[in-house]
Amino acid sequence: MKLPVYNNRGSLRSVRIRKDTRSVPQQVLSGLKISAVLVILVIVSVVFLEFIPTRYIEAYYWHLRHGNSVEVGSYRFPVPKRWYVDSFSANDALLVDLNTGDSIVVRMSSVRGRPALGLWDALVSRPMLDGSTKILVRKELQINGEMFLCYEKNLDTKSVRLYPIECRSEGALEVSFQPNVFSAKDHDRMFYSLLQQLQNL
């Protein structure tokens, strides 16, 4: 079969389409081989991407752009190198520890002052009806001249035990520590260390 095409000079010339002389089974087998190669390439690509430390790359890029802290409201919260800022806005931020999976939520509340802190204190200290959460420690901290209340809790889900921490300041900053399922209890030292590095803007 011949099809008309244009050459470089703009005139028509004919091109012959060569017919595949292989038998139908051979053509099908060739197509299956190509499909198998493509499937293998896709599988290898997916497996390869699983082992690429994308979070570490994203964390490195974030630190390159923003440094070692994130601003939430009128505060600056530290972000060490091994921490990744998963999401943030003007009034909240979510930090994730790349090594342990622990997370810290930093957010501004709309209500400030000692009365608001007292209401929060009463609400957080209230025991859960099902008894799954118990308060272990209540702490009062002074950070840059501002009072923080912190509650360390024991959350027993029957399958695992978690030790979250909830803190709030007079200036309506709320900071909560959410440990990973496989984290140890002593990770709270790291949380308090970061909290003590908090700065007012």
C-alpha atoms as a PDB file:
ATOM      1  CA  MET A   1       0.000   0.000   0.000  1.00  0.00           C
ATOM      2  CA  LYS A   2       1.289   3.458  -0.913  1.00  0.00           C
ATOM      3  CA  LEU A   3       0.527   6.757   0.846  1.00  0.00           C
ATOM      4  CA  PRO A   4       1.277  10.218  -0.613  1.00  0.00           C
ATOM      5  CA  VAL A   5       3.674  12.382   1.464  1.00  0.00           C
ATOM      6  CA  TYR A   6       5.483  15.654   0.859  1.00  0.00           C
ATOM      7  CA  ASN A   7       9.225  15.755   0.375  1.00  0.00           C
ATOM      8  CA  ASN A   8      11.524  18.618   1.376  1.00  0.00           C
ATOM      9  CA  ARG A   9      10.742  20.499  -1.837  1.00  0.00           C
ATOM     10  CA  GLY A  10       7.002  20.435  -1.259  1.00  0.00           C
ATOM     11  CA  SER A  11       6.193  17.967  -4.011  1.00  0.00           C
ATOM     12  CA  LEU A  12       4.328  14.734  -3.522  1.00  0.00           C
ATOM     13  CA  ARG A  13       6.018  11.371  -3.460  1.00  0.00           C
ATOM     14  CA  SER A  14       4.737   7.961  -2.496  1.00  0.00           C
ATOM     15  CA  VAL A  15       5.860   5.840   0.462  1.00  0.00           C
ATOM     16  CA  ARG A  16       5.240   2.123   0.583  1.00  0.00           C
ATOM     17  CA  ILE A  17       3.984   0.691   3.900  1.00  0.00           C
ATOM     18  CA  ARG A  18       5.616  -2.659   4.482  1.00  0.00           C
ATOM     19  CA  LYS A  19       3.299  -5.421   5.610  1.00  0.00           C
ATOM     20  CA  ASP A  20       4.254  -7.475   8.673  1.00  0.00           C
ATOM     21  CA  THR A  21       5.152 -10.863   7.253  1.00  0.00           C
ATOM     22  CA  ARG A  22       5.083 -12.628  10.623  1.00  0.00           C
ATOM     23  CA  SER A  23       2.245 -14.965  11.439  1.00  0.00           C
ATOM     24  CA  VAL A  24      -0.562 -13.844  13.745  1.00  0.00           C
ATOM     25  CA  PRO A  25       0.678 -15.974  16.716  1.00  0.00           C
ATOM     26  CA  GLN A  26       4.151 -14.454  16.346  1.00  0.00           C
ATOM     27  CA  GLN A  27       2.712 -10.939  16.301  1.00  0.00           C
ATOM     28  CA  VAL A  28       0.619 -11.676  19.417  1.00  0.00           C
ATOM     29  CA  LEU A  29       3.652 -13.149  21.189  1.00  0.00           C
ATOM     30  CA  SER A  30       5.703 -10.061  20.332  1.00  0.00           C
ATOM     31  CA  GLY A  31       2.964  -7.810  21.739  1.00  0.00           C
ATOM     32  CA  LEU A  32       2.820  -9.864  24.932  1.00  0.00           C
ATOM     33  CA  LYS A  33       6.579  -9.559  25.364  1.00  0.00           C
ATOM     34  CA  ILE A  34       6.388  -5.770  25.040  1.00  0.00           C
ATOM     35  CA  SER A  35       3.495  -5.658  27.533  1.00  0.00           C
ATOM     36  CA  ALA A  36       5.439  -7.827  29.997  1.00  0.00           C
ATOM     37  CA  VAL A  37       8.459  -5.532  29.758  1.00  0.00           C
ATOM     38  CA  LEU A  38       6.268  -2.483  30.411  1.00  0.00           C
ATOM     39  CA  VAL A  39       4.615  -4.153  33.425  1.00  0.00           C
ATOM     40  CA  ILE A  40       8.035  -5.077  34.859  1.00  0.00           C
ATOM     41  CA  LEU A  41       9.241  -1.499  34.377  1.00  0.00           C
ATOM     42  CA  VAL A  42       6.185  -0.153  36.219  1.00  0.00           C
ATOM     43  CA  ILE A  43       6.668  -2.592  39.129  1.00  0.00           C
ATOM     44  CA  VAL A  44      10.370  -1.783  39.403  1.00  0.00           C
ATOM     45  CA  SER A  45       9.581   1.949  39.365  1.00  0.00           C
ATOM     46  CA  VAL A  46       6.976   1.599  42.138  1.00  0.00           C
ATOM     47  CA  VAL A  47       9.326  -0.486  44.313  1.00  0.00           C
ATOM     48  CA  PHE A  48      12.176   1.948  43.680  1.00  0.00           C
ATOM     49  CA  LEU A  49      10.029   4.932  44.667  1.00  0.00           C
ATOM     50  CA  GLU A  50       9.115   3.203  47.938  1.00  0.00           C
ATOM     51  CA  PHE A  51      12.776   3.231  48.975  1.00  0.00           C
ATOM     52  CA  ILE A  52      13.444   6.841  47.978  1.00  0.00           C
ATOM     53  CA  PRO A  53      13.443   8.948  51.183  1.00  0.00           C
ATOM     54  CA  THR A  54      11.021  11.527  49.796  1.00  0.00           C
ATOM     55  CA  ARG A  55      10.158  12.893  53.239  1.00  0.00           C
ATOM     56  CA  TYR A  56      13.840  13.509  53.973  1.00  0.00           C
ATOM     57  CA  ILE A  57      14.200  15.308  50.645  1.00  0.00           C
ATOM     58  CA  GLU A  58      11.099  17.414  51.336  1.00  0.00           C
ATOM     59  CA  ALA A  59      12.354  18.175  54.868  1.00  0.00           C
ATOM     60  CA  TYR A  60      15.737  19.265  53.513  1.00  0.00           C
ATOM     61  CA  TYR A  61      14.041  21.536  50.974  1.00  0.00           C
ATOM     62  CA  TRP A  62      11.724  22.992  53.642  1.00  0.00           C
ATOM     63  CA  HIS A  63      14.642  23.791  55.968  1.00  0.00           C
ATOM     64  CA  LEU A  64      16.510  25.294  53.041  1.00  0.00           C
ATOM     65  CA  ARG A  65      13.604  27.693  52.422  1.00  0.00           C
ATOM     66  CA  HIS A  66      12.415  28.431  55.973  1.00  0.00           C
ATOM     67  CA  GLY A  67      15.328  27.705  58.288  1.00  0.00           C
ATOM     68  CA  ASN A  68      14.942  25.922  61.619  1.00  0.00           C
ATOM     69  CA  SER A  69      11.704  27.433  62.910  1.00  0.00           C
ATOM     70  CA  VAL A  70       8.095  28.055  61.960  1.00  0.00           C
ATOM     71  CA  GLU A  71       5.984  31.080  62.857  1.00  0.00           C
ATOM     72  CA  VAL A  72       2.533  30.473  64.325  1.00  0.00           C
ATOM     73  CA  GLY A  73       0.624  33.567  65.365  1.00  0.00           C
ATOM     74  CA  SER A  74       2.981  35.730  67.413  1.00  0.00           C
ATOM     75  CA  TYR A  75       5.319  32.839  68.249  1.00  0.00           C
ATOM     76  CA  ARG A  76       8.291  31.130  66.641  1.00  0.00           C
ATOM     77  CA  PHE A  77       8.500  27.383  67.256  1.00  0.00           C
ATOM     78  CA  PRO A  78      11.784  25.491  66.660  1.00  0.00           C
ATOM     79  CA  VAL A  79      12.002  22.873  63.910  1.00  0.00           C
ATOM     80  CA  PRO A  80      15.146  20.698  64.239  1.00  0.00           C
ATOM     81  CA  LYS A  81      16.742  19.152  61.159  1.00  0.00           C
ATOM     82  CA  ARG A  82      15.204  15.733  61.739  1.00  0.00           C
ATOM     83  CA  TRP A  83      11.718  17.234  61.929  1.00  0.00           C
ATOM     84  CA  TYR A  84       9.459  17.763  58.927  1.00  0.00           C
ATOM     85  CA  VAL A  85       6.771  20.454  58.721  1.00  0.00           C
ATOM     86  CA  ASP A  86       3.901  18.494  57.207  1.00  0.00           C
ATOM     87  CA  SER A  87       1.547  21.481  56.988  1.00  0.00           C
ATOM     88  CA  PHE A  88       1.423  25.014  58.304  1.00  0.00           C
ATOM     89  CA  SER A  89      -0.487  28.268  58.030  1.00  0.00           C
ATOM     90  CA  ALA A  90      -0.531  31.577  59.887  1.00  0.00           C
ATOM     91  CA  ASN A  91      -2.278  30.039  62.918  1.00  0.00           C
ATOM     92  CA  ASP A  92      -1.259  26.382  63.017  1.00  0.00           C
ATOM     93  CA  ALA A  93       1.500  23.953  62.106  1.00  0.00           C
ATOM     94  CA  LEU A  94       1.994  20.189  62.140  1.00  0.00           C
ATOM     95  CA  LEU A  95       5.527  18.906  62.781  1.00  0.00           C
ATOM     96  CA  VAL A  96       6.553  15.270  62.303  1.00  0.00           C
ATOM     97  CA  ASP A  97       9.700  13.569  63.592  1.00  0.00           C
ATOM     98  CA  LEU A  98      11.219  11.744  60.616  1.00  0.00           C
ATOM     99  CA  ASN A  99      12.947   9.187  62.840  1.00  0.00           C
ATOM    100  CA  THR A 100      10.180   8.253  65.284  1.00  0.00           C
ATOM    101  CA  GLY A 101       6.918   9.366  63.649  1.00  0.00           C
ATOM    102  CA  ASP A 102       5.997  11.496  66.675  1.00  0.00           C
ATOM    103  CA  SER A 103       4.112  14.688  65.860  1.00  0.00           C
ATOM    104  CA  ILE A 104       3.610  18.111  67.426  1.00  0.00           C
ATOM    105  CA  VAL A 105       0.639  20.344  66.683  1.00  0.00           C
ATOM    106  CA  VAL A 106       1.101  24.069  67.285  1.00  0.00           C
ATOM    107  CA  ARG A 107      -1.959  26.273  66.962  1.00  0.00           C
ATOM    108  CA  MET A 108      -3.359  29.619  68.046  1.00  0.00           C
ATOM    109  CA  SER A 109      -6.695  29.780  69.827  1.00  0.00           C
ATOM    110  CA  SER A 110      -8.990  32.752  69.368  1.00  0.00           C
ATOM    111  CA  VAL A 111      -9.575  33.231  73.128  1.00  0.00           C
ATOM    112  CA  ARG A 112      -6.731  34.587  75.262  1.00  0.00           C
ATOM    113  CA  GLY A 113      -6.002  35.495  78.868  1.00  0.00           C
ATOM    114  CA  ARG A 114      -6.043  33.806  82.276  1.00  0.00           C
ATOM    115  CA  PRO A 115      -9.818  33.146  82.312  1.00  0.00           C
ATOM    116  CA  ALA A 116      -9.545  31.274  79.006  1.00  0.00           C
ATOM    117  CA  LEU A 117      -6.578  29.323  80.375  1.00  0.00           C
ATOM    118  CA  GLY A 118      -8.637  28.424  83.448  1.00  0.00           C
ATOM    119  CA  LEU A 119     -11.497  27.123  81.299  1.00  0.00           C
ATOM    120  CA  TRP A 120      -9.065  25.069  79.227  1.00  0.00           C
ATOM    121  CA  ASP A 121      -7.517  23.723  82.436  1.00  0.00           C
ATOM    122  CA  ALA A 122     -10.916  22.584  83.707  1.00  0.00           C
ATOM    123  CA  LEU A 123     -11.832  21.010  80.383  1.00  0.00           C
ATOM    124  CA  VAL A 124      -8.597  19.098  79.839  1.00  0.00           C
ATOM    125  CA  SER A 125      -8.364  17.855  83.417  1.00  0.00           C
ATOM    126  CA  ARG A 126     -11.857  16.361  83.264  1.00  0.00           C
ATOM    127  CA  PRO A 127     -11.635  12.529  83.338  1.00  0.00           C
ATOM    128  CA  MET A 128     -12.931  10.543  80.379  1.00  0.00           C
ATOM    129  CA  LEU A 129     -16.156   8.646  80.965  1.00  0.00           C
ATOM    130  CA  ASP A 130     -14.770   5.387  79.583  1.00  0.00           C
ATOM    131  CA  GLY A 131     -11.630   5.665  81.720  1.00  0.00           C
ATOM    132  CA  SER A 132      -9.340   5.194  78.713  1.00  0.00           C
ATOM    133  CA  THR A 133      -7.369   8.375  79.412  1.00  0.00           C
ATOM    134  CA  LYS A 134      -5.693   9.103  82.729  1.00  0.00           C
ATOM    135  CA  ILE A 135      -3.809  12.227  83.739  1.00  0.00           C
ATOM    136  CA  LEU A 136      -0.307  11.423  84.919  1.00  0.00           C
ATOM    137  CA  VAL A 137       1.206  14.851  85.567  1.00  0.00           C
ATOM    138  CA  ARG A 138       0.083  18.485  85.577  1.00  0.00           C
ATOM    139  CA  LYS A 139       2.899  20.984  85.032  1.00  0.00           C
ATOM    140  CA  GLU A 140       3.164  24.750  85.191  1.00  0.00           C
ATOM    141  CA  LEU A 141       5.999  26.178  83.126  1.00  0.00           C
ATOM    142  CA  GLN A 142       7.381  29.674  82.671  1.00  0.00           C
ATOM    143  CA  ILE A 143       8.657  30.230  79.125  1.00  0.00           C
ATOM    144  CA  ASN A 144       9.860  33.707  78.202  1.00  0.00           C
ATOM    145  CA  GLY A 145       7.838  35.174  81.044  1.00  0.00           C
ATOM    146  CA  GLU A 146       4.612  33.471  79.994  1.00  0.00           C
ATOM    147  CA  MET A 147       2.829  30.734  81.922  1.00  0.00           C
ATOM    148  CA  PHE A 148       2.128  27.398  80.256  1.00  0.00           C
ATOM    149  CA  LEU A 149      -0.049  24.613  81.623  1.00  0.00           C
ATOM    150  CA  CYS A 150       0.800  21.090  80.467  1.00  0.00           C
ATOM    151  CA  TYR A 151      -0.976  17.792  81.037  1.00  0.00           C
ATOM    152  CA  GLU A 152       0.773  14.476  80.510  1.00  0.00           C
ATOM    153  CA  LYS A 153      -1.707  11.701  79.849  1.00  0.00           C
ATOM    154  CA  ASN A 154      -1.844   7.943  79.587  1.00  0.00           C
ATOM    155  CA  LEU A 155      -4.109   6.847  76.740  1.00  0.00           C
ATOM    156  CA  ASP A 156      -4.865   3.129  76.987  1.00  0.00           C
ATOM    157  CA  THR A 157      -6.546   1.750  73.860  1.00  0.00           C
ATOM    158  CA  LYS A 158      -6.181  -1.882  75.101  1.00  0.00           C
ATOM    159  CA  SER A 159      -3.991  -2.683  72.102  1.00  0.00           C
ATOM    160  CA  VAL A 160      -1.398   0.067  72.708  1.00  0.00           C
ATOM    161  CA  ARG A 161      -0.552   2.713  75.278  1.00  0.00           C
ATOM    162  CA  LEU A 162       0.162   6.281  74.240  1.00  0.00           C
ATOM    163  CA  TYR A 163       1.471   9.179  76.283  1.00  0.00           C
ATOM    164  CA  PRO A 164       0.209  12.416  74.700  1.00  0.00           C
ATOM    165  CA  ILE A 165       0.907  15.848  76.172  1.00  0.00           C
ATOM    166  CA  GLU A 166      -1.323  18.910  75.895  1.00  0.00           C
ATOM    167  CA  CYS A 167      -0.109  22.415  76.710  1.00  0.00           C
ATOM    168  CA  ARG A 168      -1.587  25.891  76.548  1.00  0.00           C
ATOM    169  CA  SER A 169      -0.260  29.360  77.309  1.00  0.00           C
ATOM    170  CA  GLU A 170      -1.848  32.540  78.599  1.00  0.00           C
ATOM    171  CA  GLY A 171      -1.355  33.942  75.102  1.00  0.00           C
ATOM    172  CA  ALA A 172      -3.676  31.259  73.664  1.00  0.00           C
ATOM    173  CA  LEU A 173      -0.940  29.139  72.094  1.00  0.00           C
ATOM    174  CA  GLU A 174      -1.793  25.430  72.212  1.00  0.00           C
ATOM    175  CA  VAL A 175       0.973  22.875  71.732  1.00  0.00           C
ATOM    176  CA  SER A 176       0.213  19.152  71.792  1.00  0.00           C
ATOM    177  CA  PHE A 177       2.533  16.185  71.508  1.00  0.00           C
ATOM    178  CA  GLN A 178       1.171  13.081  69.778  1.00  0.00           C
ATOM    179  CA  PRO A 179       3.550  10.118  70.110  1.00  0.00           C
ATOM    180  CA  ASN A 180       3.794   7.426  67.495  1.00  0.00           C
ATOM    181  CA  VAL A 181       2.256   4.061  68.363  1.00  0.00           C
ATOM    182  CA  PHE A 182       5.723   2.506  68.694  1.00  0.00           C
ATOM    183  CA  SER A 183       7.307   5.422  70.548  1.00  0.00           C
ATOM    184  CA  ALA A 184       8.643   5.152  74.062  1.00  0.00           C
ATOM    185  CA  LYS A 185       7.423   7.330  76.913  1.00  0.00           C
ATOM    186  CA  ASP A 186      10.762   9.144  77.313  1.00  0.00           C
ATOM    187  CA  HIS A 187      10.166  11.054  74.076  1.00  0.00           C
ATOM    188  CA  ASP A 188       8.485  13.710  76.226  1.00  0.00           C
ATOM    189  CA  ARG A 189      11.959  15.075  77.069  1.00  0.00           C
ATOM    190  CA  MET A 190      12.426  16.082  73.467  1.00  0.00           C
ATOM    191  CA  PHE A 191       9.017  17.762  73.427  1.00  0.00           C
ATOM    192  CA  TYR A 192       9.741  19.877  76.521  1.00  0.00           C
ATOM    193  CA  SER A 193      13.162  20.744  75.127  1.00  0.00           C
ATOM    194  CA  LEU A 194      11.543  22.168  71.984  1.00  0.00           C
ATOM    195  CA  LEU A 195       8.847  23.931  74.008  1.00  0.00           C
ATOM    196  CA  GLN A 196      11.485  25.697  76.112  1.00  0.00           C
ATOM    197  CA  GLN A 197      13.013  27.090  72.889  1.00  0.00           C
ATOM    198  CA  LEU A 198       9.752  28.832  71.976  1.00  0.00           C
ATOM    199  CA  GLN A 199      10.162  32.537  71.161  1.00  0.00           C
ATOM    200  CA  ASN A 200       7.792  35.493  71.159  1.00  0.00           C
ATOM    201  CA  LEU A 201       7.822  37.637  68.040  1.00  0.00           C
END
